[in-house]
Every structure is written in C-alpha cells, then in structure tokens.
Amino acid sequence: MKEEKETPSVIVIDDDPHILSLLEIYLSKKGVKTVTSISAKDAIRIMRTSHIKLALVDICMPDMNGVELLQQIQKITPSTHVIMITGLGDMEVAKKCMQLGAKDFITKPFDFEYLETSVLAELIPLS
C-alpha cells in the first residue's frame, strides 16, 4: 500500500505570531496537522500548493482583510471550509462572513472548548 505524504489539514492565518504559535501548538496536541501563515499573500500560496481542509482566518490583517481572503480561498479551493477569527466582536462582519460561506465566527480571546468543537466538526464528517 502506497503511503501518502502527510499534508496539513488546517491553515491558521493571522498577523499575530503569538496567535499562530498558540493555535498551532493547541491543534497539534489535538492531533490536527496544522500550518500557519502570517500574511494573506503567503496563505494564498500555501492554499494553491497544499490540500487544506479548513482555514482559520483572522479578520484584521494588514495585507488583505479576512473577508477578502475568505472570498479568495473560495475561488482557489472551494472545498476548503473557513472559520473566521477576530478580536473584534462586530456582528455585522460576522453576519457578512457567514453569508459569504464561512462556517463559523470565533472571537478572541478563544474559548478553547468551543474552538475545538468547531474545528473538529469541520474536519470529521458525520457518518
């Protein structure tokens, strides 16, 4: 049986290196293969070359906002699910993201129990 090269299941995109590190460590401990990106431009490059099942996307980033990145991800890999993350609790932005196809909207500071439930719900299909 041919062994497949392991690729990340999740990409975390945030301009805060502490958030990237925190989520990468947390998700890795939960058995989730994770890659991180500090910019939207780098994330798009990764999305084009890797099979990513789920993207955690920060709303506020300097090179492209999360709403625009959500739309780019949907064009590049329509099968990738997107969960938006933000330090701002703006319900209008949350509503817009959900209308554009985001699967969830999670605010910082994280409720890790909810984060885990949301991430695993997108990665493990119901039988």
N, C-alpha and C. Protein backbone atom coordinates (compact mmCIF):
# COMPACT_ATOMS: atom_id res chain seq x y z
N MET A 1 0.85 -1.18 0.00
CA MET A 1 0.00 0.00 0.00
C MET A 1 0.89 1.24 0.00
N LYS A 2 0.62 2.14 -0.90
CA LYS A 2 1.40 3.37 -1.03
C LYS A 2 1.04 4.34 0.09
N GLU A 3 2.06 4.84 0.77
CA GLU A 3 1.84 5.79 1.86
C GLU A 3 1.76 7.20 1.29
N GLU A 4 0.70 7.92 1.66
CA GLU A 4 0.55 9.30 1.19
C GLU A 4 1.40 10.24 2.03
N LYS A 5 1.93 11.25 1.37
CA LYS A 5 2.67 12.30 2.08
C LYS A 5 1.68 13.05 2.97
N GLU A 6 2.05 13.23 4.23
CA GLU A 6 1.17 13.94 5.15
C GLU A 6 1.15 15.42 4.82
N THR A 7 -0.02 15.95 4.67
CA THR A 7 -0.16 17.38 4.42
C THR A 7 -1.03 17.98 5.51
N PRO A 8 -0.88 19.26 5.75
CA PRO A 8 -1.69 19.88 6.80
C PRO A 8 -3.18 19.82 6.47
N SER A 9 -3.97 19.63 7.50
CA SER A 9 -5.42 19.66 7.36
C SER A 9 -5.96 21.06 7.55
N VAL A 10 -5.23 21.86 8.36
CA VAL A 10 -5.69 23.18 8.76
C VAL A 10 -4.59 24.20 8.52
N ILE A 11 -5.01 25.37 8.03
CA ILE A 11 -4.11 26.51 7.97
C ILE A 11 -4.67 27.59 8.89
N VAL A 12 -3.79 28.17 9.69
CA VAL A 12 -4.17 29.29 10.55
C VAL A 12 -3.52 30.54 9.95
N ILE A 13 -4.34 31.55 9.67
CA ILE A 13 -3.84 32.77 9.04
C ILE A 13 -4.14 33.95 9.96
N ASP A 14 -3.07 34.55 10.48
CA ASP A 14 -3.21 35.65 11.42
C ASP A 14 -1.91 36.46 11.38
N ASP A 15 -1.99 37.77 11.54
CA ASP A 15 -0.78 38.59 11.53
C ASP A 15 -0.09 38.66 12.89
N ASP A 16 -0.64 38.00 13.88
CA ASP A 16 -0.05 37.96 15.22
C ASP A 16 0.68 36.63 15.42
N PRO A 17 2.02 36.66 15.49
CA PRO A 17 2.78 35.42 15.62
C PRO A 17 2.44 34.64 16.89
N HIS A 18 2.01 35.33 17.94
CA HIS A 18 1.64 34.65 19.18
C HIS A 18 0.37 33.81 18.99
N ILE A 19 -0.58 34.35 18.26
CA ILE A 19 -1.81 33.60 17.96
C ILE A 19 -1.48 32.40 17.09
N LEU A 20 -0.62 32.59 16.10
CA LEU A 20 -0.22 31.47 15.23
C LEU A 20 0.40 30.35 16.04
N SER A 21 1.33 30.71 16.91
CA SER A 21 2.01 29.71 17.73
C SER A 21 1.04 29.02 18.68
N LEU A 22 0.20 29.80 19.33
CA LEU A 22 -0.78 29.27 20.27
C LEU A 22 -1.69 28.25 19.59
N LEU A 23 -2.25 28.62 18.45
CA LEU A 23 -3.18 27.72 17.76
C LEU A 23 -2.48 26.51 17.17
N GLU A 24 -1.27 26.71 16.66
CA GLU A 24 -0.53 25.57 16.10
C GLU A 24 -0.23 24.53 17.19
N ILE A 25 0.22 24.99 18.34
CA ILE A 25 0.51 24.08 19.45
C ILE A 25 -0.77 23.41 19.94
N TYR A 26 -1.82 24.19 20.14
CA TYR A 26 -3.08 23.65 20.64
C TYR A 26 -3.65 22.60 19.68
N LEU A 27 -3.73 22.93 18.40
CA LEU A 27 -4.31 21.99 17.43
C LEU A 27 -3.43 20.75 17.26
N SER A 28 -2.12 20.93 17.29
CA SER A 28 -1.21 19.79 17.19
C SER A 28 -1.42 18.81 18.34
N LYS A 29 -1.62 19.35 19.54
CA LYS A 29 -1.89 18.49 20.70
C LYS A 29 -3.20 17.73 20.55
N LYS A 30 -4.09 18.25 19.74
CA LYS A 30 -5.38 17.58 19.48
C LYS A 30 -5.28 16.64 18.27
N GLY A 31 -4.07 16.51 17.71
CA GLY A 31 -3.87 15.60 16.59
C GLY A 31 -4.19 16.19 15.23
N VAL A 32 -4.31 17.50 15.16
CA VAL A 32 -4.65 18.17 13.90
C VAL A 32 -3.36 18.68 13.24
N LYS A 33 -3.11 18.22 12.03
CA LYS A 33 -1.95 18.70 11.27
C LYS A 33 -2.21 20.15 10.87
N THR A 34 -1.29 21.04 11.24
CA THR A 34 -1.52 22.47 11.09
C THR A 34 -0.32 23.15 10.44
N VAL A 35 -0.61 24.12 9.58
CA VAL A 35 0.40 25.01 9.02
C VAL A 35 -0.08 26.43 9.33
N THR A 36 0.86 27.36 9.46
CA THR A 36 0.48 28.73 9.78
C THR A 36 0.99 29.69 8.72
N SER A 37 0.32 30.83 8.64
CA SER A 37 0.72 31.89 7.72
C SER A 37 0.49 33.23 8.39
N ILE A 38 1.49 34.11 8.31
CA ILE A 38 1.39 35.43 8.93
C ILE A 38 0.81 36.47 7.97
N SER A 39 0.58 36.07 6.70
CA SER A 39 0.02 37.03 5.73
C SER A 39 -0.95 36.33 4.79
N ALA A 40 -1.86 37.11 4.25
CA ALA A 40 -2.82 36.57 3.29
C ALA A 40 -2.11 36.12 2.02
N LYS A 41 -1.12 36.87 1.59
CA LYS A 41 -0.38 36.53 0.36
C LYS A 41 0.28 35.16 0.49
N ASP A 42 0.94 34.93 1.62
CA ASP A 42 1.58 33.64 1.87
C ASP A 42 0.53 32.54 1.98
N ALA A 43 -0.57 32.84 2.62
CA ALA A 43 -1.65 31.85 2.77
C ALA A 43 -2.19 31.41 1.40
N ILE A 44 -2.36 32.35 0.51
CA ILE A 44 -2.85 32.02 -0.84
C ILE A 44 -1.87 31.10 -1.54
N ARG A 45 -0.57 31.37 -1.39
CA ARG A 45 0.45 30.49 -1.98
C ARG A 45 0.34 29.07 -1.42
N ILE A 46 0.18 28.97 -0.11
CA ILE A 46 0.04 27.66 0.53
C ILE A 46 -1.22 26.96 0.06
N MET A 47 -2.30 27.70 -0.04
CA MET A 47 -3.58 27.12 -0.46
C MET A 47 -3.49 26.54 -1.88
N ARG A 48 -2.70 27.16 -2.72
CA ARG A 48 -2.55 26.68 -4.10
C ARG A 48 -1.72 25.40 -4.19
N THR A 49 -0.88 25.14 -3.19
CA THR A 49 0.04 24.00 -3.28
C THR A 49 -0.22 22.89 -2.27
N SER A 50 -1.17 23.05 -1.36
CA SER A 50 -1.45 22.06 -0.33
C SER A 50 -2.93 21.72 -0.32
N HIS A 51 -3.22 20.54 0.19
CA HIS A 51 -4.62 20.15 0.36
C HIS A 51 -5.04 20.55 1.78
N ILE A 52 -5.71 21.67 1.88
CA ILE A 52 -6.15 22.20 3.17
C ILE A 52 -7.65 21.98 3.30
N LYS A 53 -8.06 21.34 4.39
CA LYS A 53 -9.48 21.09 4.62
C LYS A 53 -10.18 22.27 5.28
N LEU A 54 -9.41 23.00 6.13
CA LEU A 54 -10.01 24.06 6.93
C LEU A 54 -9.03 25.21 7.09
N ALA A 55 -9.54 26.44 6.94
CA ALA A 55 -8.74 27.64 7.16
C ALA A 55 -9.34 28.43 8.31
N LEU A 56 -8.49 28.79 9.28
CA LEU A 56 -8.88 29.71 10.34
C LEU A 56 -8.31 31.06 9.94
N VAL A 57 -9.18 32.02 9.67
CA VAL A 57 -8.77 33.29 9.06
C VAL A 57 -9.09 34.47 9.97
N ASP A 58 -8.05 35.24 10.31
CA ASP A 58 -8.23 36.46 11.09
C ASP A 58 -8.91 37.51 10.21
N ILE A 59 -9.77 38.29 10.80
CA ILE A 59 -10.49 39.34 10.05
C ILE A 59 -9.57 40.52 9.73
N CYS A 60 -8.80 40.97 10.72
CA CYS A 60 -7.99 42.18 10.54
C CYS A 60 -6.53 41.83 10.30
N MET A 61 -6.10 41.97 9.05
CA MET A 61 -4.70 41.74 8.69
C MET A 61 -4.25 42.89 7.80
N PRO A 62 -2.96 43.21 7.80
CA PRO A 62 -2.51 44.39 7.06
C PRO A 62 -2.53 44.25 5.53
N ASP A 63 -2.24 43.05 5.00
CA ASP A 63 -2.13 42.96 3.54
C ASP A 63 -3.45 42.69 2.83
N MET A 64 -4.41 42.10 3.50
CA MET A 64 -5.74 41.83 2.92
C MET A 64 -6.65 41.50 4.09
N ASN A 65 -7.85 42.05 4.12
CA ASN A 65 -8.72 41.73 5.25
C ASN A 65 -9.28 40.31 5.10
N GLY A 66 -9.74 39.77 6.22
CA GLY A 66 -10.21 38.39 6.25
C GLY A 66 -11.40 38.12 5.35
N VAL A 67 -12.26 39.11 5.16
CA VAL A 67 -13.43 38.92 4.28
C VAL A 67 -12.95 38.71 2.84
N GLU A 68 -11.99 39.52 2.41
CA GLU A 68 -11.43 39.36 1.06
C GLU A 68 -10.70 38.02 0.93
N LEU A 69 -9.98 37.63 1.97
CA LEU A 69 -9.27 36.36 1.93
C LEU A 69 -10.24 35.19 1.88
N LEU A 70 -11.33 35.27 2.62
CA LEU A 70 -12.39 34.26 2.57
C LEU A 70 -12.84 34.05 1.13
N GLN A 71 -13.09 35.14 0.43
CA GLN A 71 -13.54 35.06 -0.96
C GLN A 71 -12.46 34.46 -1.87
N GLN A 72 -11.19 34.81 -1.62
CA GLN A 72 -10.08 34.25 -2.41
C GLN A 72 -9.96 32.74 -2.18
N ILE A 73 -10.07 32.32 -0.94
CA ILE A 73 -9.98 30.90 -0.62
C ILE A 73 -11.08 30.13 -1.33
N GLN A 74 -12.28 30.69 -1.34
CA GLN A 74 -13.40 30.03 -2.00
C GLN A 74 -13.18 29.88 -3.51
N LYS A 75 -12.47 30.83 -4.11
CA LYS A 75 -12.15 30.75 -5.54
C LYS A 75 -11.06 29.72 -5.80
N ILE A 76 -10.03 29.70 -4.95
CA ILE A 76 -8.89 28.82 -5.14
C ILE A 76 -9.24 27.37 -4.83
N THR A 77 -9.85 27.15 -3.68
CA THR A 77 -10.20 25.79 -3.24
C THR A 77 -11.60 25.82 -2.63
N PRO A 78 -12.62 25.71 -3.45
CA PRO A 78 -14.00 25.80 -2.95
C PRO A 78 -14.36 24.75 -1.90
N SER A 79 -13.63 23.64 -1.85
CA SER A 79 -13.94 22.60 -0.87
C SER A 79 -13.37 22.90 0.52
N THR A 80 -12.50 23.90 0.63
CA THR A 80 -11.93 24.27 1.93
C THR A 80 -12.95 25.05 2.75
N HIS A 81 -13.19 24.58 3.97
CA HIS A 81 -14.09 25.29 4.86
C HIS A 81 -13.30 26.40 5.57
N VAL A 82 -14.00 27.48 5.93
CA VAL A 82 -13.34 28.63 6.55
C VAL A 82 -14.06 28.99 7.84
N ILE A 83 -13.26 29.17 8.89
CA ILE A 83 -13.76 29.69 10.16
C ILE A 83 -13.04 31.02 10.37
N MET A 84 -13.80 32.06 10.61
CA MET A 84 -13.25 33.39 10.82
C MET A 84 -12.92 33.55 12.30
N ILE A 85 -11.77 34.22 12.57
CA ILE A 85 -11.39 34.54 13.96
C ILE A 85 -11.10 36.03 14.05
N THR A 86 -11.46 36.62 15.19
CA THR A 86 -11.26 38.05 15.34
C THR A 86 -11.23 38.48 16.80
N GLY A 87 -10.52 39.56 17.04
CA GLY A 87 -10.53 40.19 18.35
C GLY A 87 -11.67 41.17 18.48
N LEU A 88 -12.35 41.44 17.38
CA LEU A 88 -13.47 42.37 17.36
C LEU A 88 -14.77 41.57 17.34
N GLY A 89 -15.72 41.94 18.14
CA GLY A 89 -16.99 41.23 18.17
C GLY A 89 -18.03 41.86 17.27
N ASP A 90 -17.64 42.30 16.10
CA ASP A 90 -18.54 43.00 15.17
C ASP A 90 -19.52 42.02 14.53
N MET A 91 -20.76 42.07 14.96
CA MET A 91 -21.76 41.12 14.48
C MET A 91 -22.13 41.35 13.01
N GLU A 92 -21.99 42.56 12.51
CA GLU A 92 -22.27 42.82 11.09
C GLU A 92 -21.24 42.12 10.20
N VAL A 93 -19.98 42.18 10.63
CA VAL A 93 -18.92 41.49 9.87
C VAL A 93 -19.14 39.98 9.97
N ALA A 94 -19.50 39.51 11.16
CA ALA A 94 -19.77 38.08 11.34
C ALA A 94 -20.90 37.63 10.41
N LYS A 95 -21.95 38.39 10.36
CA LYS A 95 -23.09 38.06 9.50
C LYS A 95 -22.66 38.03 8.03
N LYS A 96 -21.87 39.02 7.62
CA LYS A 96 -21.41 39.07 6.23
C LYS A 96 -20.56 37.84 5.90
N CYS A 97 -19.65 37.49 6.81
CA CYS A 97 -18.79 36.32 6.58
C CYS A 97 -19.62 35.04 6.45
N MET A 98 -20.61 34.90 7.30
CA MET A 98 -21.46 33.70 7.24
C MET A 98 -22.25 33.69 5.92
N GLN A 99 -22.71 34.83 5.48
CA GLN A 99 -23.43 34.91 4.20
C GLN A 99 -22.51 34.56 3.03
N LEU A 100 -21.22 34.88 3.18
CA LEU A 100 -20.25 34.59 2.13
C LEU A 100 -19.74 33.15 2.17
N GLY A 101 -20.16 32.39 3.19
CA GLY A 101 -19.81 30.98 3.22
C GLY A 101 -18.94 30.51 4.37
N ALA A 102 -18.56 31.42 5.29
CA ALA A 102 -17.78 30.98 6.45
C ALA A 102 -18.64 30.02 7.27
N LYS A 103 -17.99 29.03 7.86
CA LYS A 103 -18.71 28.01 8.64
C LYS A 103 -18.93 28.43 10.08
N ASP A 104 -18.09 29.36 10.57
CA ASP A 104 -18.22 29.81 11.95
C ASP A 104 -17.46 31.12 12.10
N PHE A 105 -17.66 31.77 13.23
CA PHE A 105 -17.04 33.05 13.55
C PHE A 105 -16.67 32.99 15.03
N ILE A 106 -15.37 32.98 15.32
CA ILE A 106 -14.90 32.79 16.69
C ILE A 106 -14.15 34.04 17.14
N THR A 107 -14.48 34.52 18.34
CA THR A 107 -13.84 35.73 18.84
C THR A 107 -12.67 35.40 19.77
N LYS A 108 -11.71 36.31 19.80
CA LYS A 108 -10.58 36.24 20.73
C LYS A 108 -10.97 37.07 21.95
N PRO A 109 -10.54 36.74 23.13
CA PRO A 109 -9.77 35.55 23.47
C PRO A 109 -10.60 34.29 23.24
N PHE A 110 -9.91 33.21 22.88
CA PHE A 110 -10.59 31.99 22.49
C PHE A 110 -11.21 31.24 23.65
N ASP A 111 -12.38 30.70 23.40
CA ASP A 111 -12.98 29.67 24.25
C ASP A 111 -12.48 28.37 23.61
N PHE A 112 -11.45 27.75 24.18
CA PHE A 112 -10.80 26.63 23.52
C PHE A 112 -11.71 25.41 23.37
N GLU A 113 -12.64 25.24 24.28
CA GLU A 113 -13.59 24.13 24.13
C GLU A 113 -14.45 24.35 22.88
N TYR A 114 -14.92 25.57 22.70
CA TYR A 114 -15.73 25.88 21.52
C TYR A 114 -14.88 25.79 20.25
N LEU A 115 -13.67 26.31 20.30
CA LEU A 115 -12.76 26.26 19.15
C LEU A 115 -12.54 24.82 18.72
N GLU A 116 -12.24 23.95 19.68
CA GLU A 116 -12.01 22.55 19.36
C GLU A 116 -13.25 21.91 18.73
N THR A 117 -14.40 22.17 19.31
CA THR A 117 -15.65 21.61 18.78
C THR A 117 -15.89 22.09 17.35
N SER A 118 -15.68 23.37 17.11
CA SER A 118 -15.91 23.94 15.78
C SER A 118 -14.93 23.38 14.75
N VAL A 119 -13.64 23.31 15.11
CA VAL A 119 -12.62 22.80 14.19
C VAL A 119 -12.88 21.33 13.88
N LEU A 120 -13.09 20.53 14.91
CA LEU A 120 -13.30 19.09 14.69
C LEU A 120 -14.59 18.82 13.93
N ALA A 121 -15.61 19.64 14.11
CA ALA A 121 -16.85 19.47 13.36
C ALA A 121 -16.62 19.64 11.86
N GLU A 122 -15.68 20.49 11.50
CA GLU A 122 -15.38 20.71 10.07
C GLU A 122 -14.44 19.65 9.52
N LEU A 123 -13.64 19.02 10.36
CA LEU A 123 -12.67 18.05 9.90
C LEU A 123 -13.18 16.62 9.88
N ILE A 124 -14.12 16.31 10.78
CA ILE A 124 -14.62 14.95 10.89
C ILE A 124 -16.04 14.90 10.38
N PRO A 125 -16.23 14.32 9.18
CA PRO A 125 -17.59 14.25 8.64
C PRO A 125 -18.48 13.34 9.47
N LEU A 126 -19.73 13.71 9.59
CA LEU A 126 -20.68 12.89 10.31
C LEU A 126 -21.03 11.67 9.46
N SER A 127 -21.12 10.50 10.10
CA SER A 127 -21.45 9.32 9.31
C SER A 127 -22.92 9.04 9.30
